[in-house]
């Protein structure tokens, strides 16, 4: 039996960074991955595929080619287009898998393929396709991630009623789709498919989509989605999902449709239904009880501020520990966990974790929202800049984007940055850096930005906020 300083279960973002951090400290490391390729859900079914699809769609729409045809060859054209988009995604996925494998090789990390399960707190069994083996380790990190929730009451069939995992393997692009769930995954895919010509209806039980966002940004996104032709049904919950026969004479490649019944007794039908409510920690099969651990009813593992579980030498990081469940935060959690287990100080800024929503348009934020500041009784002012106020906004053809700064009324410290529009997920990092250094809004006023850039929005928003503060 091989023995390692660290055994990582799962090769997603958390597992990758934990393994590399430990290897850089001279430790012997192995990663156990049940898939035949490395990268976890982030590369194979989640973050990278969804973002690759988004870019492929945007490139398609920006290329001067017509949108999806609506004449007699409608179905053939959709099929060919969707196949091309998926092929573009696969090229990106393959490239990312190759990069991850190269990182493992260059850092001396051994990749073991098979399903892991604990035999005892210091040993795991690995069931591969051809053989079974076992390894022991001084430390373990559980980074198995999550999988889409699949309630038993929902009749998933992989074609008409699907999760986000099956979306990327559909044989053709549906003419219409119901998206159940206005969280990150549901909103991202709904906006992408709408931009491609699919008739999308997004159903969300809460008053607005993406409730963790600043309300002004969330409402702006809802406006953009409606302007694109999407139907939003807010404050409505789905109580039943099933398959029904398609009306006779209707033109389609499929004889059935998905139907959703709402609490209000309304029924909605579409070619396809994407169920995007919740994800489950992929802890089934790990035999956590043999290591003295338990998972909650959603498969998540509880950890402390150092990412230690109740068994001190076993750590967990990434989506399997719950919110915020982002690839970016998972990477930092894995790095911090490995640093703690081997006594290497790791300076993290957990309060400055950015959120990136790759919808159309994209959204990003870091720090406080207006609602949070109001609840906490923190005096603030908001400074806003519209993309249409800078030349770059017109150059990139985005006159509807915006950037908002939240500024402490007394200290002028930057408390939050919120952006919607082209490049929002890149733009937010300028504000994040200033916040990390405890900078004030005056920095944006006194610094010089390249012209023409979207970054100029920081100066405009800063001046807007300071002008308001003069009247306080």
Protein backbone atom coordinates (compact mmCIF):
# COMPACT_ATOMS: atom_id res chain seq x y z
CA UNK A 1 0.00 0.00 0.00
CA UNK A 2 1.38 3.39 -1.03
CA UNK A 3 1.54 6.10 1.64
CA UNK A 4 1.35 9.84 0.96
CA UNK A 5 1.60 13.00 2.97
CA UNK A 6 -1.64 14.16 1.37
CA UNK A 7 -4.36 12.32 -0.51
CA UNK A 8 -6.86 14.54 -2.33
CA UNK A 9 -10.23 13.09 -3.31
CA UNK A 10 -11.49 14.94 -6.38
CA UNK A 11 -9.51 16.82 -9.04
CA UNK A 12 -11.71 19.91 -9.30
CA UNK A 13 -10.53 23.45 -8.49
CA UNK A 14 -10.22 22.85 -4.72
CA UNK A 15 -8.39 19.56 -5.14
CA UNK A 16 -6.03 20.93 -7.78
CA UNK A 17 -4.86 23.90 -5.73
CA UNK A 18 -4.57 21.89 -2.50
CA UNK A 19 -2.44 19.27 -4.24
CA UNK A 20 -0.19 21.82 -5.95
CA UNK A 21 0.27 23.84 -2.74
CA UNK A 22 1.30 20.70 -0.84
CA UNK A 23 3.62 19.58 -3.64
CA UNK A 24 5.32 23.00 -3.64
CA UNK A 25 6.04 22.40 0.05
CA UNK A 26 7.86 19.18 -0.84
CA UNK A 27 5.10 16.81 0.23
CA UNK A 28 4.15 13.55 -1.49
CA UNK A 29 0.68 13.97 -2.98
CA UNK A 30 -1.84 11.87 -4.86
CA UNK A 31 -5.20 12.83 -6.32
CA UNK A 32 -8.00 10.29 -6.70
CA UNK A 33 -10.46 11.09 -9.50
CA UNK A 34 -13.39 8.84 -10.41
CA UNK A 35 -13.63 10.24 -13.94
CA UNK A 36 -11.29 9.05 -16.67
CA UNK A 37 -10.03 12.63 -17.05
CA UNK A 38 -8.96 15.24 -14.52
CA UNK A 39 -10.63 18.54 -13.78
CA UNK A 40 -13.78 17.59 -11.89
CA UNK A 41 -17.21 19.02 -12.64
CA UNK A 42 -15.74 22.51 -13.15
CA UNK A 43 -13.97 21.49 -16.35
CA UNK A 44 -16.09 18.57 -17.53
CA UNK A 45 -19.71 19.56 -16.87
CA UNK A 46 -19.84 22.91 -15.08
CA UNK A 47 -17.85 26.13 -15.15
CA UNK A 48 -15.74 25.69 -18.28
CA UNK A 49 -18.40 24.07 -20.53
CA UNK A 50 -21.01 26.69 -19.65
CA UNK A 51 -18.59 29.58 -20.24
CA UNK A 52 -17.32 27.98 -23.44
CA UNK A 53 -20.91 27.71 -24.68
CA UNK A 54 -21.48 31.36 -23.80
CA UNK A 55 -18.48 32.51 -25.81
CA UNK A 56 -19.42 30.29 -28.75
CA UNK A 57 -22.93 31.79 -28.79
CA UNK A 58 -21.61 35.34 -28.57
CA UNK A 59 -19.13 34.70 -31.38
CA UNK A 60 -21.89 33.21 -33.49
CA UNK A 61 -24.17 36.21 -32.98
CA UNK A 62 -21.34 38.69 -33.56
CA UNK A 63 -20.17 37.07 -36.78
CA UNK A 64 -22.67 38.73 -39.07
CA UNK A 65 -24.48 35.44 -39.64
CA UNK A 66 -28.26 35.28 -39.31
CA UNK A 67 -29.88 34.08 -36.15
CA UNK A 68 -31.54 30.68 -36.09
CA UNK A 69 -33.62 30.32 -39.31
CA UNK A 70 -37.36 30.05 -39.04
CA UNK A 71 -38.15 28.65 -42.50
CA UNK A 72 -38.72 25.05 -43.66
CA UNK A 73 -35.21 23.91 -42.78
CA UNK A 74 -35.58 25.25 -39.23
CA UNK A 75 -34.81 21.98 -37.45
CA UNK A 76 -31.82 21.04 -39.62
CA UNK A 77 -30.30 24.49 -39.18
CA UNK A 78 -30.72 24.38 -35.42
CA UNK A 79 -29.18 20.95 -35.20
CA UNK A 80 -26.15 21.94 -37.27
CA UNK A 81 -25.64 25.15 -35.32
CA UNK A 82 -25.92 23.50 -31.92
CA UNK A 83 -23.54 20.74 -32.97
CA UNK A 84 -20.98 23.35 -33.98
CA UNK A 85 -21.35 25.17 -30.69
CA UNK A 86 -20.86 21.96 -28.74
CA UNK A 87 -17.79 21.11 -30.79
CA UNK A 88 -16.28 24.48 -29.89
CA UNK A 89 -16.97 23.74 -26.22
CA UNK A 90 -15.25 20.36 -26.43
CA UNK A 91 -12.09 21.93 -27.80
CA UNK A 92 -11.91 24.25 -24.79
CA UNK A 93 -12.62 21.39 -22.37
CA UNK A 94 -9.85 19.26 -23.89
CA UNK A 95 -7.39 22.13 -23.62
CA UNK A 96 -8.23 22.71 -19.95
CA UNK A 97 -7.92 19.01 -19.13
CA UNK A 98 -4.49 19.02 -20.76
CA UNK A 99 -3.40 22.04 -18.70
CA UNK A 100 -4.50 20.39 -15.44
CA UNK A 101 -2.73 17.13 -16.30
CA UNK A 102 0.46 19.04 -17.11
CA UNK A 103 0.32 20.83 -13.75
CA UNK A 104 0.01 17.52 -11.95
CA UNK A 105 2.92 16.03 -13.88
CA UNK A 106 5.23 19.03 -13.43
CA UNK A 107 4.60 19.06 -9.68
CA UNK A 108 5.09 15.33 -9.18
CA UNK A 109 1.46 14.71 -8.23
CA UNK A 110 0.25 11.18 -8.87
CA UNK A 111 -3.22 10.91 -10.43
CA UNK A 112 -5.13 7.73 -9.50
CA UNK A 113 -8.34 6.89 -11.36
CA UNK A 114 -11.25 5.28 -9.57
CA UNK A 115 -14.00 5.79 -7.01
CA UNK A 116 -12.64 6.51 -3.54
CA UNK A 117 -14.15 5.37 -0.25
CA UNK A 118 -12.80 5.47 3.29
CA UNK A 119 -11.76 2.16 4.83
CA UNK A 120 -10.74 3.96 8.03
CA UNK A 121 -9.64 7.51 8.94
CA UNK A 122 -6.20 7.04 7.35
CA UNK A 123 -6.95 4.69 4.44
CA UNK A 124 -9.06 4.86 1.30
CA UNK A 125 -9.99 2.13 -1.16
CA UNK A 126 -9.95 3.02 -4.86
CA UNK A 127 -12.22 1.05 -7.18
CA UNK A 128 -11.03 1.47 -10.75
CA UNK A 129 -12.45 -0.02 -13.94
CA UNK A 130 -9.80 -2.73 -14.08
CA UNK A 131 -8.40 -3.03 -10.59
CA UNK A 132 -8.86 -2.08 -6.98
CA UNK A 133 -6.15 -0.57 -4.84
CA UNK A 134 -5.76 1.32 -1.58
CA UNK A 135 -3.62 4.19 -0.30
CA UNK A 136 -2.95 5.66 3.12
CA UNK A 137 -2.07 9.24 4.00
CA UNK A 138 -1.31 11.56 6.88
CA UNK A 139 -3.85 14.08 5.62
CA UNK A 140 -6.89 13.94 3.35
CA UNK A 141 -8.76 16.67 1.51
CA UNK A 142 -12.29 15.93 0.28
CA UNK A 143 -12.98 18.01 -2.81
CA UNK A 144 -15.57 15.90 -4.59
CA UNK A 145 -17.77 18.85 -5.54
CA UNK A 146 -21.47 18.58 -6.28
CA UNK A 147 -23.92 17.19 -8.83
CA UNK A 148 -27.28 18.61 -9.93
CA UNK A 149 -30.15 17.74 -7.61
CA UNK A 150 -32.43 15.10 -9.14
CA UNK A 151 -35.64 14.82 -7.06
CA UNK A 152 -37.40 11.48 -7.41
CA UNK A 153 -40.64 13.31 -8.26
CA UNK A 154 -39.16 14.76 -11.46
CA UNK A 155 -39.17 12.33 -14.44
CA UNK A 156 -35.76 13.10 -15.94
CA UNK A 157 -35.24 11.45 -19.32
CA UNK A 158 -32.10 13.20 -20.58
CA UNK A 159 -33.85 14.87 -23.51
CA UNK A 160 -37.10 16.62 -22.55
CA UNK A 161 -36.52 16.96 -18.80
CA UNK A 162 -32.86 17.51 -17.98
CA UNK A 163 -30.29 18.91 -15.57
CA UNK A 164 -27.40 21.17 -16.54
CA UNK A 165 -25.21 18.08 -17.03
CA UNK A 166 -27.39 16.82 -19.89
CA UNK A 167 -27.84 20.21 -21.56
CA UNK A 168 -24.45 20.00 -23.26
CA UNK A 169 -25.25 16.59 -24.75
CA UNK A 170 -28.62 17.42 -26.30
CA UNK A 171 -28.76 16.22 -29.93
CA UNK A 172 -30.45 19.41 -31.11
CA UNK A 173 -31.36 22.86 -29.85
CA UNK A 174 -34.95 22.98 -28.51
CA UNK A 175 -37.38 25.49 -29.99
CA UNK A 176 -38.70 26.32 -26.49
CA UNK A 177 -37.47 25.71 -22.96
CA UNK A 178 -38.68 26.05 -19.39
CA UNK A 179 -35.90 26.81 -16.90
CA UNK A 180 -36.89 26.01 -13.32
CA UNK A 181 -34.68 27.94 -10.91
CA UNK A 182 -33.32 31.49 -11.11
CA UNK A 183 -29.99 30.80 -9.45
CA UNK A 184 -26.60 31.17 -11.12
CA UNK A 185 -26.82 28.06 -13.32
CA UNK A 186 -30.43 28.58 -14.37
CA UNK A 187 -29.93 32.26 -15.15
CA UNK A 188 -26.72 31.72 -17.10
CA UNK A 189 -28.12 28.99 -19.33
CA UNK A 190 -31.48 30.75 -19.76
CA UNK A 191 -29.80 33.91 -21.04
CA UNK A 192 -27.46 31.99 -23.34
CA UNK A 193 -30.25 29.97 -24.95
CA UNK A 194 -32.45 33.04 -25.30
CA UNK A 195 -29.66 34.81 -27.17
CA UNK A 196 -29.52 31.84 -29.54
CA UNK A 197 -33.19 32.12 -30.44
CA UNK A 198 -34.77 29.61 -28.04
CA UNK A 199 -38.09 30.73 -26.51
CA UNK A 200 -37.21 30.63 -22.82
CA UNK A 201 -39.46 30.90 -19.78
CA UNK A 202 -37.59 31.26 -16.48
CA UNK A 203 -39.50 30.27 -13.33
CA UNK A 204 -38.27 31.39 -9.91
CA UNK A 205 -40.08 31.03 -6.59
CA UNK A 206 -38.46 34.11 -5.05
CA UNK A 207 -39.38 37.73 -5.89
CA UNK A 208 -36.31 38.17 -8.11
CA UNK A 209 -33.52 36.13 -9.63
CA UNK A 210 -30.07 35.97 -8.01
CA UNK A 211 -31.24 37.44 -4.70
CA UNK A 212 -27.72 37.58 -3.28
CA UNK A 213 -26.86 40.32 -5.78
CA UNK A 214 -27.38 44.02 -5.20
CA UNK A 215 -31.05 44.61 -5.98
CA UNK A 216 -30.35 47.30 -8.59
CA UNK A 217 -28.10 44.93 -10.53
CA UNK A 218 -30.54 42.03 -10.26
CA UNK A 219 -33.40 44.22 -11.48
CA UNK A 220 -31.26 45.51 -14.36
CA UNK A 221 -30.56 41.92 -15.41
CA UNK A 222 -34.26 41.09 -15.31
CA UNK A 223 -34.95 44.10 -17.53
CA UNK A 224 -32.31 42.95 -20.05
CA UNK A 225 -33.70 39.41 -20.08
CA UNK A 226 -37.23 40.63 -20.74
CA UNK A 227 -35.98 42.94 -23.48
CA UNK A 228 -34.34 39.94 -25.15
CA UNK A 229 -37.74 38.23 -25.31
CA UNK A 230 -37.50 35.96 -22.28
CA UNK A 231 -40.57 35.36 -20.14
CA UNK A 232 -39.91 35.68 -16.39
CA UNK A 233 -42.30 34.21 -13.85
CA UNK A 234 -41.16 35.47 -10.45
CA UNK A 235 -42.70 34.42 -7.13
CA UNK A 236 -44.11 31.23 -8.65
CA UNK A 237 -43.16 27.73 -7.55
CA UNK A 238 -43.38 24.59 -9.63
CA UNK A 239 -45.38 21.86 -7.90
CA UNK A 240 -45.40 19.20 -10.61
CA UNK A 241 -43.31 18.31 -13.65
CA UNK A 242 -44.23 15.60 -16.13
CA UNK A 243 -44.20 14.62 -19.79
CA UNK A 244 -47.24 15.07 -22.05
CA UNK A 245 -47.99 14.11 -25.64
CA UNK A 246 -47.39 16.83 -28.20
CA UNK A 247 -50.60 18.10 -29.90
CA UNK A 248 -51.40 16.32 -33.14
CA UNK A 249 -50.12 18.07 -36.23
CA UNK A 250 -47.43 19.97 -34.36
CA UNK A 251 -44.11 19.94 -36.20
CA UNK A 252 -41.34 18.50 -34.07
CA UNK A 253 -38.65 15.84 -33.95
CA UNK A 254 -40.10 14.62 -30.65
CA UNK A 255 -43.56 13.29 -29.82
CA UNK A 256 -43.61 14.51 -26.21
CA UNK A 257 -43.22 17.81 -24.36
CA UNK A 258 -42.36 18.84 -20.82
CA UNK A 259 -45.13 20.35 -18.72
CA UNK A 260 -44.77 22.27 -15.45
CA UNK A 261 -47.68 23.00 -13.13
CA UNK A 262 -47.32 26.07 -10.90
CA UNK A 263 -48.75 26.73 -7.43
CA UNK A 264 -51.25 29.08 -9.06
CA UNK A 265 -52.50 26.06 -11.07
CA UNK A 266 -51.12 27.49 -14.32
CA UNK A 267 -49.52 25.00 -16.69
CA UNK A 268 -46.57 25.74 -18.95
CA UNK A 269 -45.27 23.57 -21.78
CA UNK A 270 -42.06 23.51 -23.80
CA UNK A 271 -39.90 21.19 -25.86
CA UNK A 272 -37.46 20.90 -22.98
CA UNK A 273 -37.35 21.65 -19.25
CA UNK A 274 -34.07 22.43 -17.50
CA UNK A 275 -34.30 21.69 -13.77
CA UNK A 276 -31.77 23.95 -12.04
CA UNK A 277 -32.80 24.02 -8.39
CA UNK A 278 -29.99 23.06 -6.06
CA UNK A 279 -26.99 20.77 -6.18
CA UNK A 280 -26.04 17.81 -3.98
CA UNK A 281 -22.61 17.17 -2.52
CA UNK A 282 -21.11 14.14 -4.30
CA UNK A 283 -20.40 12.36 -1.02
CA UNK A 284 -22.48 9.24 -1.62
CA UNK A 285 -20.16 6.27 -1.85
CA UNK A 286 -17.32 7.86 0.13
CA UNK A 287 -18.30 5.85 3.24
CA UNK A 288 -17.67 8.89 5.40
CA UNK A 289 -18.86 7.00 8.46
CA UNK A 290 -15.72 4.84 8.32
CA UNK A 291 -13.68 8.00 8.82
CA UNK A 292 -15.89 9.31 11.61
CA UNK A 293 -17.60 11.90 9.38
CA UNK A 294 -21.15 12.68 8.34
CA UNK A 295 -22.72 14.80 5.60
CA UNK A 296 -25.93 16.80 5.85
CA UNK A 297 -29.10 16.05 3.88
CA UNK A 298 -27.62 17.85 0.86
CA UNK A 299 -24.38 15.89 0.95
CA UNK A 300 -22.34 18.79 2.32
CA UNK A 301 -19.53 18.46 4.86
CA UNK A 302 -19.16 20.92 7.73
CA UNK A 303 -15.73 22.53 8.24
CA UNK A 304 -14.14 25.18 10.47
CA UNK A 305 -12.36 28.37 9.35
CA UNK A 306 -9.30 26.29 8.39
CA UNK A 307 -11.40 23.86 6.29
CA UNK A 308 -10.90 21.08 8.85
CA UNK A 309 -13.73 18.63 9.39
CA UNK A 310 -14.58 17.16 12.79
CA UNK A 311 -11.72 14.73 12.17
CA UNK A 312 -8.68 17.09 12.36
CA UNK A 313 -6.50 15.42 9.71
CA UNK A 314 -9.35 15.34 7.16
CA UNK A 315 -10.13 18.60 5.39
CA UNK A 316 -12.84 19.52 2.87
CA UNK A 317 -13.03 22.40 0.40
CA UNK A 318 -14.95 23.57 -2.65
CA UNK A 319 -18.61 23.14 -3.49
CA UNK A 320 -18.93 20.16 -1.12
CA UNK A 321 -18.80 22.55 1.87
CA UNK A 322 -21.54 24.83 0.50
CA UNK A 323 -21.80 28.55 -0.30
CA UNK A 324 -20.44 30.32 -2.27
CA UNK A 325 -19.66 27.23 -4.39
CA UNK A 326 -17.66 29.05 -7.07
CA UNK A 327 -14.62 27.67 -8.87
CA UNK A 328 -12.61 30.75 -7.90
CA UNK A 329 -13.40 30.46 -4.19
CA UNK A 330 -12.84 26.70 -4.28
CA UNK A 331 -9.30 27.23 -5.54
CA UNK A 332 -8.50 29.55 -2.65
CA UNK A 333 -10.09 27.21 -0.13
CA UNK A 334 -7.97 24.31 -1.36
CA UNK A 335 -4.78 26.36 -1.19
CA UNK A 336 -5.59 27.61 2.32
CA UNK A 337 -6.44 24.10 3.55
CA UNK A 338 -3.13 22.67 2.33
CA UNK A 339 -1.23 25.55 3.89
CA UNK A 340 -2.89 24.99 7.25
CA UNK A 341 -2.36 21.23 7.34
CA UNK A 342 1.38 21.62 6.73
CA UNK A 343 1.93 24.73 8.85
CA UNK A 344 2.48 27.12 5.95
CA UNK A 345 0.90 30.56 6.62
CA UNK A 346 -1.60 31.45 3.90
CA UNK A 347 -3.00 34.98 3.79
CA UNK A 348 -6.52 34.94 2.40
CA UNK A 349 -9.10 37.70 2.11
CA UNK A 350 -12.33 35.74 2.63
CA UNK A 351 -14.46 38.89 2.82
CA UNK A 352 -13.31 39.99 -0.63
CA UNK A 353 -14.31 37.00 -2.69
CA UNK A 354 -15.70 38.21 -6.03
CA UNK A 355 -18.78 36.76 -7.67
CA UNK A 356 -18.91 36.36 -11.44
CA UNK A 357 -22.21 35.56 -13.17
CA UNK A 358 -21.66 34.70 -16.84
CA UNK A 359 -25.14 35.55 -18.02
CA UNK A 360 -25.85 37.69 -21.08
CA UNK A 361 -25.05 40.41 -20.02
CA UNK A 362 -22.46 39.32 -17.46
CA UNK A 363 -22.44 40.47 -13.85
CA UNK A 364 -19.83 40.73 -11.13
CA UNK A 365 -19.65 42.01 -7.57
CA UNK A 366 -17.35 42.15 -4.56
CA UNK A 367 -18.03 43.38 -1.04
CA UNK A 368 -21.26 44.70 0.46
CA UNK A 369 -24.62 45.19 -1.23
CA UNK A 370 -26.87 48.16 -0.49
CA UNK A 371 -29.31 45.88 1.32
CA UNK A 372 -26.60 44.49 3.62
CA UNK A 373 -25.28 47.95 4.48
CA UNK A 374 -28.79 49.16 5.29
CA UNK A 375 -29.48 46.18 7.55
CA UNK A 376 -26.17 46.67 9.39
CA UNK A 377 -26.76 50.41 9.79
CA UNK A 378 -23.58 51.41 7.94
CA UNK A 379 -23.85 54.91 6.39
CA UNK A 380 -23.02 54.84 2.69
CA UNK A 381 -23.49 56.55 -0.62
CA UNK A 382 -23.61 55.05 -4.09
CA UNK A 383 -21.69 56.35 -7.10
CA UNK A 384 -22.85 55.16 -10.50
CA UNK A 385 -21.33 55.24 -13.99
CA UNK A 386 -23.04 54.15 -17.18
CA UNK A 387 -21.07 52.53 -19.98
CA UNK A 388 -22.64 55.04 -22.36
CA UNK A 389 -20.67 57.76 -20.54
CA UNK A 390 -17.31 56.40 -21.74
CA UNK A 391 -16.08 56.05 -25.31
CA UNK A 392 -15.19 52.39 -24.82
CA UNK A 393 -18.82 51.59 -24.09
CA UNK A 394 -19.75 52.83 -27.56
CA UNK A 395 -16.75 51.10 -29.18
CA UNK A 396 -17.81 47.70 -27.82
CA UNK A 397 -21.46 48.40 -28.60
CA UNK A 398 -22.65 48.28 -24.99
CA UNK A 399 -24.53 51.41 -23.97
CA UNK A 400 -26.56 49.70 -21.24
CA UNK A 401 -23.81 48.46 -18.89
CA UNK A 402 -23.14 50.13 -15.56
CA UNK A 403 -20.68 50.21 -12.65
CA UNK A 404 -21.66 51.08 -9.08
CA UNK A 405 -19.41 51.90 -6.12
CA UNK A 406 -20.65 51.84 -2.52
CA UNK A 407 -18.76 54.38 -0.41
CA UNK A 408 -18.67 54.86 3.37
CA UNK A 409 -20.11 58.31 4.10
CA UNK A 410 -17.49 59.22 6.71
CA UNK A 411 -14.23 57.41 5.84
CA UNK A 412 -14.86 57.31 2.06
CA UNK A 413 -13.65 53.69 2.10
CA UNK A 414 -14.90 51.62 -0.84
CA UNK A 415 -17.35 49.06 0.57
CA UNK A 416 -18.63 47.36 -2.55
CA UNK A 417 -18.28 47.21 -6.33
CA UNK A 418 -21.10 46.04 -8.61
CA UNK A 419 -21.04 45.83 -12.41
CA UNK A 420 -23.27 44.60 -15.20
CA UNK A 421 -22.28 44.61 -18.86
CA UNK A 422 -19.37 43.77 -21.14
CA UNK A 423 -16.24 42.77 -19.23
CA UNK A 424 -17.89 43.09 -15.81
CA UNK A 425 -16.11 40.00 -14.45
CA UNK A 426 -12.73 41.52 -15.38
CA UNK A 427 -13.58 45.09 -14.41
CA UNK A 428 -14.50 44.20 -10.82
CA UNK A 429 -10.93 43.25 -9.91
CA UNK A 430 -9.74 46.87 -10.01
CA UNK A 431 -12.15 47.73 -7.22
CA UNK A 432 -11.34 44.49 -5.41
CA UNK A 433 -7.65 45.45 -5.24
CA UNK A 434 -8.43 48.92 -3.87
CA UNK A 435 -10.77 47.41 -1.26
CA UNK A 436 -8.13 44.85 -0.25
CA UNK A 437 -5.69 47.70 0.41
CA UNK A 438 -8.34 49.65 2.39
CA UNK A 439 -8.33 52.37 -0.24
CA UNK A 440 -10.74 55.27 -0.42
CA UNK A 441 -12.79 56.48 -3.33
CA UNK A 442 -10.36 59.37 -3.84
CA UNK A 443 -7.93 56.87 -5.40
CA UNK A 444 -10.19 56.57 -8.43
CA UNK A 445 -10.52 60.34 -8.73
CA UNK A 446 -6.78 61.01 -8.57
CA UNK A 447 -5.50 58.14 -10.72
CA UNK A 448 -5.22 58.12 -14.52
CA UNK A 449 -6.93 55.42 -16.57
CA UNK A 450 -6.10 54.49 -20.13
CA UNK A 451 -8.40 56.07 -22.70
CA UNK A 452 -10.64 54.71 -24.06
CA UNK A 453 -11.34 51.94 -21.51
CA UNK A 454 -14.26 50.68 -19.46
CA UNK A 455 -12.05 51.25 -16.41
CA UNK A 456 -12.80 54.97 -16.76
CA UNK A 457 -16.17 54.12 -15.23
CA UNK A 458 -14.42 53.96 -11.86
CA UNK A 459 -13.50 57.66 -12.07
CA UNK A 460 -16.98 58.65 -13.17
CA UNK A 461 -18.65 56.57 -10.43
CA UNK A 462 -16.23 57.96 -7.83
CA UNK A 463 -16.96 61.56 -8.82
CA UNK A 464 -20.69 60.83 -8.85
CA UNK A 465 -20.52 59.40 -5.34
CA UNK A 466 -18.38 62.24 -3.95
CA UNK A 467 -20.70 64.85 -5.45
CA UNK A 468 -23.59 63.23 -3.58
CA UNK A 469 -21.57 63.14 -0.37
CA UNK A 470 -20.97 66.90 -0.53
CA UNK A 471 -24.68 67.34 0.08
CA UNK A 472 -24.76 65.01 3.10
